[in-house]
Amino acid sequence: LEAGLTDRSTISAPFWTVHRLAKPEARHRAEPPLSSW
C-alpha cells in the first residue's frame, strides 16, 4: 500500500524520534490534559 513511499525507514524516522523523546522518564507520571500541551 506504500504507493509514493520510496523509503519508509527515512519517512518513519521522525516518528520514532518523537516516540523516544516524548516517553516520560517517570513510569507513573500523571498525564497532563491536552489543553495544557
All heavy atoms as atom14 arrays in JSON, in Angstrom:
{
  "sequence": "LEAGLTDRSTISAPFWTVHRLAKPEARHRAEPPLSSW",
  "atom14_mask": [
    [1, 1, 1, 1, 1, 1, 1, 1, 0, 0, 0, 0, 0, 0],
    [1, 1, 1, 1, 1, 1, 1, 1, 1, 0, 0, 0, 0, 0],
    [1, 1, 1, 1, 1, 0, 0, 0, 0, 0, 0, 0, 0, 0],
    [1, 1, 1, 1, 0, 0, 0, 0, 0, 0, 0, 0, 0, 0],
    [1, 1, 1, 1, 1, 1, 1, 1, 0, 0, 0, 0, 0, 0],
    [1, 1, 1, 1, 1, 1, 1, 0, 0, 0, 0, 0, 0, 0],
    [1, 1, 1, 1, 1, 1, 1, 1, 0, 0, 0, 0, 0, 0],
    [1, 1, 1, 1, 1, 1, 1, 1, 1, 1, 1, 0, 0, 0],
    [1, 1, 1, 1, 1, 1, 0, 0, 0, 0, 0, 0, 0, 0],
    [1, 1, 1, 1, 1, 1, 1, 0, 0, 0, 0, 0, 0, 0],
    [1, 1, 1, 1, 1, 1, 1, 1, 0, 0, 0, 0, 0, 0],
    [1, 1, 1, 1, 1, 1, 0, 0, 0, 0, 0, 0, 0, 0],
    [1, 1, 1, 1, 1, 0, 0, 0, 0, 0, 0, 0, 0, 0],
    [1, 1, 1, 1, 1, 1, 1, 0, 0, 0, 0, 0, 0, 0],
    [1, 1, 1, 1, 1, 1, 1, 1, 1, 1, 1, 0, 0, 0],
    [1, 1, 1, 1, 1, 1, 1, 1, 1, 1, 1, 1, 1, 1],
    [1, 1, 1, 1, 1, 1, 1, 0, 0, 0, 0, 0, 0, 0],
    [1, 1, 1, 1, 1, 1, 1, 0, 0, 0, 0, 0, 0, 0],
    [1, 1, 1, 1, 1, 1, 1, 1, 1, 1, 0, 0, 0, 0],
    [1, 1, 1, 1, 1, 1, 1, 1, 1, 1, 1, 0, 0, 0],
    [1, 1, 1, 1, 1, 1, 1, 1, 0, 0, 0, 0, 0, 0],
    [1, 1, 1, 1, 1, 0, 0, 0, 0, 0, 0, 0, 0, 0],
    [1, 1, 1, 1, 1, 1, 1, 1, 1, 0, 0, 0, 0, 0],
    [1, 1, 1, 1, 1, 1, 1, 0, 0, 0, 0, 0, 0, 0],
    [1, 1, 1, 1, 1, 1, 1, 1, 1, 0, 0, 0, 0, 0],
    [1, 1, 1, 1, 1, 0, 0, 0, 0, 0, 0, 0, 0, 0],
    [1, 1, 1, 1, 1, 1, 1, 1, 1, 1, 1, 0, 0, 0],
    [1, 1, 1, 1, 1, 1, 1, 1, 1, 1, 0, 0, 0, 0],
    [1, 1, 1, 1, 1, 1, 1, 1, 1, 1, 1, 0, 0, 0],
    [1, 1, 1, 1, 1, 0, 0, 0, 0, 0, 0, 0, 0, 0],
    [1, 1, 1, 1, 1, 1, 1, 1, 1, 0, 0, 0, 0, 0],
    [1, 1, 1, 1, 1, 1, 1, 0, 0, 0, 0, 0, 0, 0],
    [1, 1, 1, 1, 1, 1, 1, 0, 0, 0, 0, 0, 0, 0],
    [1, 1, 1, 1, 1, 1, 1, 1, 0, 0, 0, 0, 0, 0],
    [1, 1, 1, 1, 1, 1, 0, 0, 0, 0, 0, 0, 0, 0],
    [1, 1, 1, 1, 1, 1, 0, 0, 0, 0, 0, 0, 0, 0],
    [1, 1, 1, 1, 1, 1, 1, 1, 1, 1, 1, 1, 1, 1]
  ],
  "atom14_positions": [
    [[0.82, -1.21, 0.0], [0.0, 0.0, 0.0], [0.85, 1.26, 0.0], [0.33, 2.35, 0.15], [-0.91, 0.02, 1.23], [-1.92, -1.12, 1.33], [-2.66, -1.01, 2.64], [-2.89, -1.06, 0.19], [0.0, 0.0, 0.0], [0.0, 0.0, 0.0], [0.0, 0.0, 0.0], [0.0, 0.0, 0.0], [0.0, 0.0, 0.0], [0.0, 0.0, 0.0]],
    [[2.17, 1.09, -0.14], [3.04, 2.23, 0.05], [3.31, 2.98, -1.24], [4.44, 3.38, -1.51], [4.37, 1.79, 0.7], [5.18, 0.79, -0.12], [4.78, -0.63, 0.15], [3.65, -0.86, 0.6], [5.6, -1.52, -0.1], [0.0, 0.0, 0.0], [0.0, 0.0, 0.0], [0.0, 0.0, 0.0], [0.0, 0.0, 0.0], [0.0, 0.0, 0.0]],
    [[2.29, 3.2, -2.07], [2.47, 3.95, -3.31], [2.97, 5.35, -2.98], [2.35, 6.08, -2.22], [1.16, 4.03, -4.08], [0.0, 0.0, 0.0], [0.0, 0.0, 0.0], [0.0, 0.0, 0.0], [0.0, 0.0, 0.0], [0.0, 0.0, 0.0], [0.0, 0.0, 0.0], [0.0, 0.0, 0.0], [0.0, 0.0, 0.0], [0.0, 0.0, 0.0]],
    [[4.11, 5.72, -3.53], [4.67, 7.03, -3.27], [5.62, 7.06, -2.1], [6.27, 8.07, -1.87], [0.0, 0.0, 0.0], [0.0, 0.0, 0.0], [0.0, 0.0, 0.0], [0.0, 0.0, 0.0], [0.0, 0.0, 0.0], [0.0, 0.0, 0.0], [0.0, 0.0, 0.0], [0.0, 0.0, 0.0], [0.0, 0.0, 0.0], [0.0, 0.0, 0.0]],
    [[5.73, 5.97, -1.33], [6.66, 5.93, -0.2], [7.9, 5.16, -0.65], [7.95, 3.94, -0.58], [6.0, 5.24, 1.01], [4.68, 5.85, 1.49], [4.19, 5.1, 2.72], [4.84, 7.31, 1.81], [0.0, 0.0, 0.0], [0.0, 0.0, 0.0], [0.0, 0.0, 0.0], [0.0, 0.0, 0.0], [0.0, 0.0, 0.0], [0.0, 0.0, 0.0]],
    [[8.89, 5.89, -1.09], [10.07, 5.23, -1.66], [11.01, 4.71, -0.59], [11.68, 3.72, -0.79], [10.83, 6.21, -2.57], [11.15, 7.39, -1.81], [9.98, 6.6, -3.76], [0.0, 0.0, 0.0], [0.0, 0.0, 0.0], [0.0, 0.0, 0.0], [0.0, 0.0, 0.0], [0.0, 0.0, 0.0], [0.0, 0.0, 0.0], [0.0, 0.0, 0.0]],
    [[11.07, 5.37, 0.55], [11.98, 4.96, 1.61], [11.24, 5.08, 2.94], [11.23, 6.12, 3.58], [13.23, 5.85, 1.62], [14.3, 5.31, 2.57], [13.97, 4.41, 3.38], [15.44, 5.78, 2.51], [0.0, 0.0, 0.0], [0.0, 0.0, 0.0], [0.0, 0.0, 0.0], [0.0, 0.0, 0.0], [0.0, 0.0, 0.0], [0.0, 0.0, 0.0]],
    [[10.61, 3.98, 3.36], [9.78, 4.04, 4.54], [10.6, 4.26, 5.81], [10.14, 4.87, 6.77], [8.97, 2.75, 4.67], [7.75, 2.73, 3.77], [6.98, 1.47, 3.97], [7.68, 0.31, 3.41], [7.31, -0.94, 3.59], [6.28, -1.21, 4.32], [7.98, -1.93, 3.04], [0.0, 0.0, 0.0], [0.0, 0.0, 0.0], [0.0, 0.0, 0.0]],
    [[11.84, 3.76, 5.84], [12.66, 3.94, 7.03], [12.98, 5.42, 7.25], [12.98, 5.9, 8.38], [13.95, 3.12, 6.92], [14.71, 3.55, 5.79], [0.0, 0.0, 0.0], [0.0, 0.0, 0.0], [0.0, 0.0, 0.0], [0.0, 0.0, 0.0], [0.0, 0.0, 0.0], [0.0, 0.0, 0.0], [0.0, 0.0, 0.0], [0.0, 0.0, 0.0]],
    [[13.25, 6.15, 6.16], [13.51, 7.58, 6.28], [12.27, 8.34, 6.69], [12.32, 9.25, 7.52], [14.04, 8.13, 4.94], [15.23, 7.43, 4.58], [14.33, 9.61, 5.04], [0.0, 0.0, 0.0], [0.0, 0.0, 0.0], [0.0, 0.0, 0.0], [0.0, 0.0, 0.0], [0.0, 0.0, 0.0], [0.0, 0.0, 0.0], [0.0, 0.0, 0.0]],
    [[11.13, 7.96, 6.13], [9.88, 8.65, 6.45], [9.48, 8.41, 7.9], [9.01, 9.3, 8.59], [8.77, 8.18, 5.49], [9.06, 8.71, 4.08], [7.4, 8.65, 5.95], [8.11, 8.22, 3.04], [0.0, 0.0, 0.0], [0.0, 0.0, 0.0], [0.0, 0.0, 0.0], [0.0, 0.0, 0.0], [0.0, 0.0, 0.0], [0.0, 0.0, 0.0]],
    [[9.67, 7.2, 8.4], [9.23, 6.88, 9.76], [10.22, 7.31, 10.83], [9.9, 7.27, 12.01], [8.98, 5.38, 9.88], [10.17, 4.65, 9.65], [0.0, 0.0, 0.0], [0.0, 0.0, 0.0], [0.0, 0.0, 0.0], [0.0, 0.0, 0.0], [0.0, 0.0, 0.0], [0.0, 0.0, 0.0], [0.0, 0.0, 0.0], [0.0, 0.0, 0.0]],
    [[11.43, 7.76, 10.43], [12.46, 8.12, 11.42], [12.01, 9.22, 12.38], [12.19, 9.1, 13.6], [13.76, 8.5, 10.71], [0.0, 0.0, 0.0], [0.0, 0.0, 0.0], [0.0, 0.0, 0.0], [0.0, 0.0, 0.0], [0.0, 0.0, 0.0], [0.0, 0.0, 0.0], [0.0, 0.0, 0.0], [0.0, 0.0, 0.0], [0.0, 0.0, 0.0]],
    [[11.41, 10.35, 11.91], [10.98, 11.38, 12.87], [9.92, 10.89, 13.84], [9.88, 11.31, 14.99], [10.43, 12.49, 11.96], [11.04, 12.26, 10.63], [11.21, 10.79, 10.52], [0.0, 0.0, 0.0], [0.0, 0.0, 0.0], [0.0, 0.0, 0.0], [0.0, 0.0, 0.0], [0.0, 0.0, 0.0], [0.0, 0.0, 0.0], [0.0, 0.0, 0.0]],
    [[9.05, 9.98, 13.39], [8.03, 9.46, 14.29], [8.65, 8.63, 15.41], [8.22, 8.69, 16.56], [7.02, 8.62, 13.5], [6.4, 9.36, 12.34], [6.33, 8.78, 11.09], [5.92, 10.64, 12.5], [5.78, 9.45, 10.02], [5.36, 11.34, 11.42], [5.3, 10.74, 10.18], [0.0, 0.0, 0.0], [0.0, 0.0, 0.0], [0.0, 0.0, 0.0]],
    [[9.69, 7.87, 15.08], [10.4, 7.08, 16.1], [11.12, 8.01, 17.07], [11.15, 7.76, 18.28], [11.37, 6.12, 15.43], [12.2, 5.31, 16.39], [13.54, 5.41, 16.61], [11.72, 4.29, 17.25], [13.94, 4.51, 17.56], [12.84, 3.8, 17.98], [10.47, 3.73, 17.5], [12.74, 2.79, 18.92], [10.37, 2.72, 18.44], [11.49, 2.26, 19.15]],
    [[11.69, 9.1, 16.55], [12.38, 10.07, 17.41], [11.4, 10.72, 18.38], [11.69, 10.88, 19.58], [13.08, 11.14, 16.56], [14.0, 10.5, 15.68], [13.82, 12.13, 17.45], [0.0, 0.0, 0.0], [0.0, 0.0, 0.0], [0.0, 0.0, 0.0], [0.0, 0.0, 0.0], [0.0, 0.0, 0.0], [0.0, 0.0, 0.0], [0.0, 0.0, 0.0]],
    [[10.24, 11.12, 17.89], [9.23, 11.72, 18.76], [8.78, 10.72, 19.82], [8.59, 11.09, 20.99], [8.02, 12.21, 17.93], [6.86, 12.58, 18.84], [8.42, 13.39, 17.08], [0.0, 0.0, 0.0], [0.0, 0.0, 0.0], [0.0, 0.0, 0.0], [0.0, 0.0, 0.0], [0.0, 0.0, 0.0], [0.0, 0.0, 0.0], [0.0, 0.0, 0.0]],
    [[8.64, 9.48, 19.45], [8.26, 8.45, 20.43], [9.26, 8.38, 21.57], [8.89, 8.33, 22.75], [8.15, 7.1, 19.73], [8.22, 5.93, 20.65], [7.25, 5.67, 21.6], [9.17, 4.95, 20.79], [7.59, 4.57, 22.28], [8.74, 4.13, 21.81], [0.0, 0.0, 0.0], [0.0, 0.0, 0.0], [0.0, 0.0, 0.0], [0.0, 0.0, 0.0]],
    [[10.54, 8.4, 21.23], [11.58, 8.3, 22.28], [11.65, 9.56, 23.13], [11.79, 9.5, 24.35], [12.94, 8.01, 21.64], [13.04, 6.61, 21.05], [14.45, 6.27, 20.61], [14.9, 7.12, 19.51], [15.75, 8.13, 19.64], [16.22, 8.46, 20.83], [16.12, 8.83, 18.59], [0.0, 0.0, 0.0], [0.0, 0.0, 0.0], [0.0, 0.0, 0.0]],
    [[11.59, 10.74, 22.46], [11.71, 11.99, 23.21], [10.5, 12.24, 24.11], [10.63, 12.83, 25.19], [11.88, 13.15, 22.24], [13.2, 13.21, 21.47], [13.19, 14.36, 20.46], [14.39, 13.36, 22.41], [0.0, 0.0, 0.0], [0.0, 0.0, 0.0], [0.0, 0.0, 0.0], [0.0, 0.0, 0.0], [0.0, 0.0, 0.0], [0.0, 0.0, 0.0]],
    [[9.32, 11.83, 23.64], [8.1, 12.1, 24.41], [7.87, 11.11, 25.53], [7.05, 11.37, 26.42], [6.89, 12.11, 23.48], [0.0, 0.0, 0.0], [0.0, 0.0, 0.0], [0.0, 0.0, 0.0], [0.0, 0.0, 0.0], [0.0, 0.0, 0.0], [0.0, 0.0, 0.0], [0.0, 0.0, 0.0], [0.0, 0.0, 0.0], [0.0, 0.0, 0.0]],
    [[8.56, 10.0, 25.51], [8.34, 8.99, 26.54], [8.85, 9.49, 27.89], [10.02, 9.85, 28.03], [9.07, 7.7, 26.16], [8.71, 6.52, 27.05], [9.35, 5.26, 26.51], [8.94, 4.06, 27.35], [9.56, 2.81, 26.85], [0.0, 0.0, 0.0], [0.0, 0.0, 0.0], [0.0, 0.0, 0.0], [0.0, 0.0, 0.0], [0.0, 0.0, 0.0]],
    [[7.99, 9.57, 28.9], [8.41, 10.11, 30.21], [9.44, 9.2, 30.88], [9.41, 7.98, 30.73], [7.11, 10.17, 31.02], [6.01, 10.05, 30.01], [6.57, 9.24, 28.88], [0.0, 0.0, 0.0], [0.0, 0.0, 0.0], [0.0, 0.0, 0.0], [0.0, 0.0, 0.0], [0.0, 0.0, 0.0], [0.0, 0.0, 0.0], [0.0, 0.0, 0.0]],
    [[10.33, 9.84, 31.64], [11.3, 9.06, 32.41], [10.63, 8.39, 33.6], [10.95, 7.26, 33.95], [12.43, 9.98, 32.89], [13.24, 10.59, 31.73], [14.32, 11.53, 32.24], [14.43, 11.68, 33.48], [15.04, 12.1, 31.41], [0.0, 0.0, 0.0], [0.0, 0.0, 0.0], [0.0, 0.0, 0.0], [0.0, 0.0, 0.0], [0.0, 0.0, 0.0]],
    [[9.71, 9.1, 34.24], [8.99, 8.53, 35.38], [7.89, 7.61, 34.86], [7.08, 8.0, 34.01], [8.4, 9.63, 36.24], [0.0, 0.0, 0.0], [0.0, 0.0, 0.0], [0.0, 0.0, 0.0], [0.0, 0.0, 0.0], [0.0, 0.0, 0.0], [0.0, 0.0, 0.0], [0.0, 0.0, 0.0], [0.0, 0.0, 0.0], [0.0, 0.0, 0.0]],
    [[7.84, 6.39, 35.38], [6.92, 5.4, 34.86], [5.46, 5.73, 35.18], [4.57, 5.48, 34.38], [7.28, 4.03, 35.43], [6.42, 2.89, 34.9], [6.93, 1.56, 35.36], [8.27, 1.3, 34.84], [8.98, 0.2, 35.11], [8.47, -0.73, 35.88], [10.19, 0.04, 34.61], [0.0, 0.0, 0.0], [0.0, 0.0, 0.0], [0.0, 0.0, 0.0]],
    [[5.21, 6.28, 36.35], [3.83, 6.52, 36.79], [3.51, 8.01, 36.85], [2.73, 8.45, 37.68], [3.6, 5.87, 38.15], [3.86, 4.4, 38.16], [3.08, 3.51, 37.44], [4.82, 3.66, 38.77], [3.56, 2.28, 37.64], [4.6, 2.35, 38.43], [0.0, 0.0, 0.0], [0.0, 0.0, 0.0], [0.0, 0.0, 0.0], [0.0, 0.0, 0.0]],
    [[4.09, 8.77, 35.98], [3.85, 10.2, 36.0], [2.46, 10.53, 35.48], [1.99, 9.93, 34.51], [4.9, 10.9, 35.13], [4.8, 12.4, 35.18], [5.75, 13.02, 34.2], [5.52, 14.45, 34.12], [5.87, 15.18, 33.1], [6.45, 14.62, 32.07], [5.65, 16.48, 33.1], [0.0, 0.0, 0.0], [0.0, 0.0, 0.0], [0.0, 0.0, 0.0]],
    [[1.77, 11.48, 36.1], [0.43, 11.88, 35.69], [0.48, 12.53, 34.3], [1.38, 13.32, 34.01], [-0.18, 12.84, 36.7], [0.0, 0.0, 0.0], [0.0, 0.0, 0.0], [0.0, 0.0, 0.0], [0.0, 0.0, 0.0], [0.0, 0.0, 0.0], [0.0, 0.0, 0.0], [0.0, 0.0, 0.0], [0.0, 0.0, 0.0], [0.0, 0.0, 0.0]],
    [[-0.49, 12.19, 33.45], [-0.54, 12.72, 32.09], [-1.23, 14.08, 32.08], [-2.35, 14.22, 32.56], [-1.3, 11.75, 31.18], [-1.45, 12.21, 29.75], [-0.15, 12.12, 28.96], [0.82, 11.53, 29.47], [-0.12, 12.64, 27.83], [0.0, 0.0, 0.0], [0.0, 0.0, 0.0], [0.0, 0.0, 0.0], [0.0, 0.0, 0.0], [0.0, 0.0, 0.0]],
    [[-0.57, 15.13, 31.55], [-1.22, 16.45, 31.5], [-2.36, 16.46, 30.5], [-2.33, 15.73, 29.5], [-0.08, 17.37, 31.06], [0.85, 16.49, 30.29], [0.77, 15.15, 30.95], [0.0, 0.0, 0.0], [0.0, 0.0, 0.0], [0.0, 0.0, 0.0], [0.0, 0.0, 0.0], [0.0, 0.0, 0.0], [0.0, 0.0, 0.0], [0.0, 0.0, 0.0]],
    [[-3.41, 17.26, 30.72], [-4.52, 17.33, 29.76], [-4.07, 17.95, 28.44], [-3.13, 18.77, 28.41], [-5.55, 18.21, 30.47], [-4.75, 19.02, 31.44], [-3.62, 18.14, 31.88], [0.0, 0.0, 0.0], [0.0, 0.0, 0.0], [0.0, 0.0, 0.0], [0.0, 0.0, 0.0], [0.0, 0.0, 0.0], [0.0, 0.0, 0.0], [0.0, 0.0, 0.0]],
    [[-4.74, 17.58, 27.36], [-4.35, 18.05, 26.03], [-4.42, 19.58, 25.93], [-3.63, 20.2, 25.21], [-5.25, 17.41, 24.98], [-4.91, 17.69, 23.51], [-3.52, 17.17, 23.16], [-5.96, 17.08, 22.59], [0.0, 0.0, 0.0], [0.0, 0.0, 0.0], [0.0, 0.0, 0.0], [0.0, 0.0, 0.0], [0.0, 0.0, 0.0], [0.0, 0.0, 0.0]],
    [[-5.34, 20.19, 26.66], [-5.49, 21.65, 26.6], [-4.27, 22.38, 27.14], [-4.06, 23.55, 26.83], [-6.74, 22.08, 27.38], [-6.65, 21.65, 28.73], [0.0, 0.0, 0.0], [0.0, 0.0, 0.0], [0.0, 0.0, 0.0], [0.0, 0.0, 0.0], [0.0, 0.0, 0.0], [0.0, 0.0, 0.0], [0.0, 0.0, 0.0], [0.0, 0.0, 0.0]],
    [[-3.47, 21.7, 27.96], [-2.28, 22.34, 28.54], [-1.02, 22.03, 27.76], [0.06, 22.5, 28.13], [-2.11, 21.89, 30.0], [-1.76, 20.51, 30.05], [0.0, 0.0, 0.0], [0.0, 0.0, 0.0], [0.0, 0.0, 0.0], [0.0, 0.0, 0.0], [0.0, 0.0, 0.0], [0.0, 0.0, 0.0], [0.0, 0.0, 0.0], [0.0, 0.0, 0.0]],
    [[-1.12, 21.29, 26.67], [0.07, 20.91, 25.91], [0.64, 22.12, 25.17], [-0.1, 23.05, 24.8], [-0.28, 19.86, 24.88], [-0.5, 18.49, 25.44], [-0.84, 18.16, 26.71], [-0.4, 17.26, 24.72], [-0.98, 16.81, 26.84], [-0.71, 16.23, 25.64], [-0.1, 16.93, 23.42], [-0.7, 14.89, 25.26], [-0.1, 15.61, 23.04], [-0.4, 14.6, 23.95]]
  ]
}
